[in-house]
Amino acid sequence: MGVDGSGVLTVEEAFRAAVRMVEQYVDLEERPDEALVLLLQYMESDPARWTDWLEAVRWGLANADAVDPHA
């Protein structure tokens, strides 16, 4: 996938990107929000995360107008 946003990610690639985004935020902040730290721990270790991720993907596909990624 290009940096310009072209291309298509697999569900697995999108999950890794989401984990990295949360990691970057937690690493960047001097005092990261506890909820984000817990989210990162959950994303990296909880077996239920994959089922939750797939549900979030299904929701995102069904609700394309719900969140503007460019806002």
Protein backbone atom coordinates (compact mmCIF):
# COMPACT_ATOMS: atom_id res chain seq x y z
CA MET A 1 0.00 0.00 0.00
CA GLY A 2 1.28 3.43 -0.85
CA VAL A 3 1.69 6.24 1.66
CA ASP A 4 -0.87 8.19 -0.36
CA GLY A 5 -3.55 5.74 0.76
CA SER A 6 -3.83 3.79 -2.47
CA GLY A 7 -4.18 0.06 -2.32
CA VAL A 8 -6.08 -2.37 -0.16
CA LEU A 9 -5.07 -3.82 3.20
CA THR A 10 -5.96 -7.26 4.42
CA VAL A 11 -7.80 -7.47 7.73
CA GLU A 12 -4.55 -8.68 9.33
CA GLU A 13 -2.54 -5.77 7.90
CA ALA A 14 -5.14 -3.29 9.08
CA PHE A 15 -5.00 -4.78 12.58
CA ARG A 16 -1.21 -4.45 12.68
CA ALA A 17 -1.53 -0.85 11.50
CA ALA A 18 -4.07 -0.10 14.24
CA VAL A 19 -1.80 -1.62 16.90
CA ARG A 20 1.12 0.45 15.60
CA MET A 21 -0.95 3.63 15.66
CA VAL A 22 -1.84 3.08 19.32
CA GLU A 23 1.81 2.17 20.10
CA GLN A 24 3.02 5.37 18.48
CA TYR A 25 0.59 7.49 20.46
CA VAL A 26 1.46 5.81 23.77
CA ASP A 27 5.20 6.18 23.04
CA LEU A 28 4.82 9.81 21.99
CA GLU A 29 2.96 11.00 25.06
CA GLU A 30 4.87 11.79 28.23
CA ARG A 31 1.86 10.63 30.27
CA PRO A 32 -0.32 8.53 27.99
CA ASP A 33 -3.93 8.07 28.95
CA GLU A 34 -4.38 4.90 31.00
CA ALA A 35 -7.22 3.74 28.76
CA LEU A 36 -4.92 3.80 25.72
CA VAL A 37 -2.21 1.89 27.57
CA LEU A 38 -4.80 -0.72 28.53
CA LEU A 39 -6.11 -0.82 24.95
CA LEU A 40 -2.60 -1.47 23.69
CA GLN A 41 -2.07 -4.26 26.23
CA TYR A 42 -5.41 -5.77 25.20
CA MET A 43 -4.60 -5.55 21.48
CA GLU A 44 -1.27 -7.27 22.03
CA SER A 45 -2.33 -10.06 24.36
CA ASP A 46 -6.07 -10.80 24.74
CA PRO A 47 -7.26 -13.74 22.60
CA ALA A 48 -10.70 -12.09 22.24
CA ARG A 49 -9.12 -9.18 20.38
CA TRP A 50 -9.36 -10.89 17.02
CA THR A 51 -13.10 -11.51 17.31
CA ASP A 52 -13.58 -7.93 18.49
CA TRP A 53 -11.45 -6.65 15.60
CA LEU A 54 -13.49 -8.59 13.03
CA GLU A 55 -16.71 -7.18 14.51
CA ALA A 56 -15.25 -3.67 14.28
CA VAL A 57 -14.31 -4.29 10.63
CA ARG A 58 -17.83 -5.51 9.85
CA TRP A 59 -19.26 -2.41 11.57
CA GLY A 60 -16.90 -0.13 9.63
CA LEU A 61 -17.91 -1.69 6.33
CA ALA A 62 -21.61 -1.38 7.16
CA ASN A 63 -21.30 2.22 8.42
CA ALA A 64 -18.97 3.86 5.94
CA ASP A 65 -20.30 7.35 6.70
CA ALA A 66 -20.13 7.03 10.51
CA VAL A 67 -16.57 8.36 10.94
CA ASP A 68 -14.67 10.76 8.69
CA PRO A 69 -11.01 9.63 8.70
CA HIS A 70 -9.99 13.06 7.39
CA ALA A 71 -11.81 15.17 10.00
